[in-house]
Amino acid sequence: MAYNEVNIIQGCIEGERSAQKALYEHFAGKMLGVCLRYAKDRSEAEDMLQEGFLKVFQGISKFKGEGSFEGWVRRIMVYNAINHYKHRSRKFQEDLDQENYDAVYHDELLEKISAKEIVALIQHLPEGYRAIFNLYAIEGYTHKEISERLNIAVGTSKSQYSRAKQCMQALLAKHYQIMNEPFEEAK
C-alpha cells in the first residue's frame, strides 16, 4: 500500500490498526535514527521509539496540518528523548562537571567517517553532553531553548556544548587512530 499521509493520519485518528502500522512503518527507520542519537544504546533507542510512537498516536488529532507531518513526529520523538533523559539523569550538572576532555581536532577525520559511525560515537558521549550536543548541533535549538527544556542555565548549556565538542573530537581521533592502526600478522 502506498503511503497516503492524509488517509493514514485520518485512519490513526479513528484508531485503525492498519493506518497505525503504515505510519509506523513509514517513519520508524528515520525516527529510530533520531532516538539513537539520544540513547546510550540501541535497546534504549528502541524503547524511546516505542514510547514516542505511543505519544504520536495519542496526540495525532492535535496535528493541525501546519508544517510537515514528519517534522511534527520528529519533534515528539525529540521531546520524548529529552523527557527520557530527564527521568534517567537527576544529577545533570554533577555528572557533567566530573567529565573533562582535551582534544585536538582534525577536519580530515569527518571526511573519513560514516554517518553510522558518528551516531555510534555520539552514543559514547556522557548523557548530559549527548543531550546538549544533539539539541544544539543536530536539532538546531538555541542555548536559551535548551536551558528552558532541561532546566539549566544558558551558560551551562554553552559550556557543556563546548565540552561535548571536545569529547566528540577526542572520540573521533581515537576512532580514527584505531581504524588506521596497521594490522600485525600473528607469528
Protein backbone atom coordinates (compact mmCIF):
# COMPACT_ATOMS: atom_id res chain seq x y z
CA MET A 1 0.00 0.00 0.00
CA ALA A 2 1.38 3.40 -0.96
CA TYR A 3 1.83 5.96 1.79
CA ASN A 4 -1.01 8.50 1.64
CA GLU A 5 -0.39 10.88 4.53
CA VAL A 6 -3.88 12.38 4.77
CA ASN A 7 -5.64 8.99 4.74
CA ILE A 8 -3.19 7.47 7.20
CA ILE A 9 -3.49 10.39 9.63
CA GLN A 10 -7.27 10.19 9.47
CA GLY A 11 -7.12 6.42 9.94
CA CYS A 12 -4.89 6.86 13.00
CA ILE A 13 -7.30 9.43 14.45
CA GLU A 14 -10.06 6.84 14.04
CA GLY A 15 -7.90 4.19 15.74
CA GLU A 16 -7.42 1.97 12.68
CA ARG A 17 -4.61 -0.51 13.32
CA SER A 18 -3.69 -0.73 9.63
CA ALA A 19 -3.18 3.06 9.49
CA GLN A 20 -1.09 2.98 12.67
CA LYS A 21 1.01 0.18 11.21
CA ALA A 22 1.50 2.10 7.93
CA LEU A 23 2.52 5.25 9.81
CA TYR A 24 4.94 3.31 12.00
CA GLU A 25 6.50 1.51 9.04
CA HIS A 26 6.89 4.76 7.12
CA PHE A 27 8.65 6.69 9.91
CA ALA A 28 10.23 4.08 12.20
CA GLY A 29 13.62 3.99 10.48
CA LYS A 30 14.13 7.75 10.45
CA MET A 31 12.82 8.19 13.99
CA LEU A 32 14.99 5.37 15.29
CA GLY A 33 17.92 7.39 13.95
CA VAL A 34 16.74 10.37 16.00
CA CYS A 35 16.37 8.23 19.12
CA LEU A 36 19.77 6.58 18.63
CA ARG A 37 21.47 9.96 18.92
CA TYR A 38 19.98 10.49 22.39
CA ALA A 39 20.19 6.92 23.70
CA LYS A 40 23.13 5.15 25.26
CA ASP A 41 22.49 2.07 23.09
CA ARG A 42 20.12 0.58 20.53
CA SER A 43 17.89 -1.07 23.11
CA GLU A 44 17.26 2.24 24.86
CA ALA A 45 16.66 3.92 21.48
CA GLU A 46 14.07 1.29 20.59
CA ASP A 47 12.30 1.93 23.91
CA MET A 48 12.31 5.67 23.17
CA LEU A 49 10.93 4.95 19.71
CA GLN A 50 8.05 2.88 21.06
CA GLU A 51 7.19 5.48 23.71
CA GLY A 52 7.40 8.19 21.09
CA PHE A 53 5.02 6.42 18.73
CA LEU A 54 2.54 5.91 21.56
CA LYS A 55 2.60 9.68 22.05
CA VAL A 56 2.22 10.24 18.31
CA PHE A 57 -0.86 8.00 18.19
CA GLN A 58 -2.33 9.57 21.34
CA GLY A 59 -1.83 13.11 20.08
CA ILE A 60 -2.32 12.73 16.33
CA SER A 61 -5.68 14.51 16.40
CA LYS A 62 -3.79 17.63 17.55
CA PHE A 63 -1.80 17.80 14.30
CA LYS A 64 -3.23 20.84 12.53
CA GLY A 65 -1.65 20.29 9.14
CA GLU A 66 0.64 23.29 9.62
CA GLY A 67 4.19 22.41 8.65
CA SER A 68 5.31 18.93 7.74
CA PHE A 69 3.85 15.90 9.45
CA GLU A 70 7.30 14.33 9.57
CA GLY A 71 8.58 17.40 11.43
CA TRP A 72 5.72 17.07 13.91
CA VAL A 73 6.54 13.39 14.52
CA ARG A 74 10.25 14.25 14.86
CA ARG A 75 9.52 16.93 17.49
CA ILE A 76 7.57 14.40 19.52
CA MET A 77 10.49 11.96 19.33
CA VAL A 78 12.97 14.66 20.42
CA TYR A 79 10.73 15.81 23.31
CA ASN A 80 10.29 12.19 24.34
CA ALA A 81 14.07 11.67 24.28
CA ILE A 82 14.56 14.79 26.41
CA ASN A 83 11.97 13.59 28.92
CA HIS A 84 13.56 10.15 28.95
CA TYR A 85 16.90 11.77 29.67
CA LYS A 86 15.46 13.97 32.45
CA HIS A 87 13.93 10.98 34.23
CA ARG A 88 17.08 8.92 33.85
CA SER A 89 19.52 11.54 35.00
CA ARG A 90 18.62 13.63 38.02
CA LYS A 91 22.19 14.73 38.72
CA PHE A 92 22.68 16.54 35.41
CA GLN A 93 25.20 19.18 36.47
CA GLU A 94 27.19 16.96 38.86
CA ASP A 95 27.73 14.27 36.25
CA LEU A 96 28.75 16.75 33.58
CA ASP A 97 31.17 18.65 35.79
CA GLN A 98 33.03 15.44 36.63
CA GLU A 99 33.98 14.95 32.96
CA ASN A 100 36.97 16.71 31.45
CA TYR A 101 38.16 16.21 27.88
CA ASP A 102 41.02 17.78 25.98
CA ALA A 103 41.37 17.03 22.30
CA VAL A 104 43.00 18.21 19.14
CA TYR A 105 40.58 18.41 16.22
CA HIS A 106 41.41 17.48 12.66
CA ASP A 107 38.96 18.35 9.83
CA GLU A 108 40.01 15.38 7.73
CA LEU A 109 38.56 12.98 10.32
CA LEU A 110 35.00 13.91 9.41
CA GLU A 111 35.67 13.15 5.75
CA LYS A 112 36.70 9.59 6.58
CA ILE A 113 33.89 8.53 8.91
CA SER A 114 30.37 7.37 8.04
CA ALA A 115 27.13 8.74 9.50
CA LYS A 116 26.56 5.40 11.22
CA GLU A 117 29.96 5.63 12.91
CA ILE A 118 29.22 9.20 14.03
CA VAL A 119 25.93 8.11 15.61
CA ALA A 120 27.81 5.33 17.42
CA LEU A 121 30.35 7.86 18.68
CA ILE A 122 27.58 10.21 19.85
CA GLN A 123 26.23 7.34 21.92
CA HIS A 124 29.57 7.26 23.76
CA LEU A 125 29.22 10.85 24.96
CA PRO A 126 28.24 11.21 28.63
CA GLU A 127 24.45 11.60 28.92
CA GLY A 128 24.34 15.34 29.53
CA TYR A 129 26.82 16.08 26.78
CA ARG A 130 24.89 13.82 24.39
CA ALA A 131 21.60 15.61 25.10
CA ILE A 132 23.03 19.10 24.60
CA PHE A 133 25.12 18.11 21.59
CA ASN A 134 22.06 16.65 19.85
CA LEU A 135 19.77 19.52 20.74
CA TYR A 136 22.20 22.23 19.64
CA ALA A 137 24.30 20.74 16.84
CA ILE A 138 21.75 18.45 15.23
CA GLU A 139 18.26 19.65 16.12
CA GLY A 140 19.17 23.34 15.92
CA TYR A 141 17.85 24.53 19.29
CA THR A 142 19.39 27.67 20.79
CA HIS A 143 21.15 27.55 24.15
CA LYS A 144 18.23 29.52 25.59
CA GLU A 145 15.74 26.90 24.36
CA ILE A 146 17.95 24.10 25.69
CA SER A 147 18.22 25.78 29.08
CA GLU A 148 14.43 26.06 29.27
CA ARG A 149 13.84 22.44 28.23
CA LEU A 150 16.46 20.97 30.56
CA ASN A 151 16.01 23.48 33.41
CA ILE A 152 19.64 24.57 33.37
CA ALA A 153 21.36 27.95 32.96
CA VAL A 154 22.15 29.20 29.46
CA GLY A 155 25.83 29.34 30.43
CA THR A 156 25.69 25.70 31.50
CA SER A 157 24.28 24.75 28.11
CA LYS A 158 27.06 26.66 26.33
CA SER A 159 29.85 25.23 28.45
CA GLN A 160 28.52 21.68 28.22
CA TYR A 161 28.19 22.01 24.45
CA SER A 162 31.81 23.12 24.31
CA ARG A 163 32.84 20.13 26.42
CA ALA A 164 30.68 17.84 24.27
CA LYS A 165 32.52 19.04 21.16
CA GLN A 166 35.87 18.40 22.83
CA CYS A 167 34.74 14.94 23.87
CA MET A 168 33.41 14.20 20.39
CA GLN A 169 36.72 15.34 18.89
CA ALA A 170 38.60 13.02 21.24
CA LEU A 171 36.29 10.14 20.34
CA LEU A 172 36.75 10.86 16.63
CA ALA A 173 40.52 10.99 16.98
CA LYS A 174 40.56 7.74 18.96
CA HIS A 175 38.23 6.07 16.45
CA TYR A 176 40.35 7.24 13.53
CA GLN A 177 43.54 6.02 15.19
CA ILE A 178 42.03 2.58 15.89
CA MET A 179 40.65 2.30 12.35
CA ASN A 180 44.05 3.11 10.83
CA GLU A 181 46.39 1.07 13.03
CA PRO A 182 48.42 -1.33 10.90
CA PHE A 183 47.38 -4.96 11.07
CA GLU A 184 50.10 -7.13 12.51
CA GLU A 185 50.17 -10.72 11.38
CA ALA A 186 50.43 -13.41 14.03
CA LYS A 187 53.83 -15.06 14.03
